[in-house]
């Protein structure tokens, strides 16, 4: 399973889900810096928690989408 995913952080934990998807978790003191990195994954990921990270990512993606609809 771990050969399917690169190691991005020492705290990274990988769990294979019943549907074949992967749940990857990290323990970070400041997750704000992850937003640009998460955006590079586009629609292939869904942050599950914390809620503020989900919201911040959604806001950044909405701003990016505005660029293409103006």
Protein backbone atom coordinates (compact mmCIF):
# COMPACT_ATOMS: atom_id res chain seq x y z
CA UNK A 1 0.00 0.00 0.00
CA UNK A 2 2.67 2.57 0.92
CA UNK A 3 4.29 2.25 -2.52
CA UNK A 4 1.15 3.92 -3.95
CA UNK A 5 1.89 7.18 -2.15
CA UNK A 6 4.97 9.33 -1.72
CA UNK A 7 6.03 10.28 1.79
CA UNK A 8 5.40 14.00 2.23
CA UNK A 9 5.82 14.36 5.99
CA UNK A 10 7.31 12.34 8.86
CA UNK A 11 3.92 12.15 10.60
CA UNK A 12 2.13 10.85 7.49
CA UNK A 13 -0.23 7.94 8.10
CA UNK A 14 -1.91 6.06 5.24
CA UNK A 15 -5.08 3.99 5.52
CA UNK A 16 -6.60 2.13 2.59
CA UNK A 17 -10.37 2.48 2.55
CA UNK A 18 -12.82 -0.29 1.55
CA UNK A 19 -13.53 1.45 -1.78
CA UNK A 20 -9.82 1.45 -2.66
CA UNK A 21 -9.26 5.13 -1.92
CA UNK A 22 -6.60 6.23 0.52
CA UNK A 23 -6.99 8.28 3.68
CA UNK A 24 -3.77 10.16 4.43
CA UNK A 25 -3.33 12.05 7.69
CA UNK A 26 -0.66 14.41 9.00
CA UNK A 27 0.06 15.86 12.44
CA UNK A 28 1.07 19.48 11.93
CA UNK A 29 1.37 22.49 14.19
CA UNK A 30 0.33 24.88 11.42
CA UNK A 31 -1.68 23.50 8.53
CA UNK A 32 -2.20 26.87 6.83
CA UNK A 33 0.92 26.27 4.72
CA UNK A 34 -0.71 23.13 3.30
CA UNK A 35 -3.38 25.04 1.36
CA UNK A 36 -1.25 25.80 -1.73
CA UNK A 37 0.03 22.22 -1.73
CA UNK A 38 -3.48 20.78 -1.38
CA UNK A 39 -4.66 22.96 -4.27
CA UNK A 40 -2.15 21.24 -6.55
CA UNK A 41 -4.14 18.03 -6.15
CA UNK A 42 -7.30 19.63 -7.54
CA UNK A 43 -10.37 17.40 -7.43
CA UNK A 44 -8.42 14.24 -6.59
CA UNK A 45 -8.52 14.95 -2.85
CA UNK A 46 -11.04 15.93 -0.20
CA UNK A 47 -9.70 17.24 3.10
CA UNK A 48 -11.89 15.75 5.83
CA UNK A 49 -10.75 17.81 8.78
CA UNK A 50 -10.18 20.22 10.40
CA UNK A 51 -13.24 22.10 9.20
CA UNK A 52 -11.38 25.41 8.95
CA UNK A 53 -8.95 23.79 6.48
CA UNK A 54 -11.83 22.50 4.35
CA UNK A 55 -13.36 25.99 4.35
CA UNK A 56 -10.07 27.75 3.58
CA UNK A 57 -9.36 25.39 0.71
CA UNK A 58 -12.89 25.83 -0.66
CA UNK A 59 -12.47 29.61 -0.55
CA UNK A 60 -9.14 29.48 -2.38
CA UNK A 61 -10.56 27.16 -5.03
CA UNK A 62 -13.56 29.46 -5.50
CA UNK A 63 -11.20 32.41 -6.02
CA UNK A 64 -9.23 30.41 -8.58
CA UNK A 65 -12.45 29.47 -10.39
CA UNK A 66 -13.46 33.15 -10.61
CA UNK A 67 -10.37 33.79 -12.73
CA UNK A 68 -11.71 31.44 -15.41
CA UNK A 69 -15.25 32.84 -15.35
CA UNK A 70 -14.47 36.52 -15.81
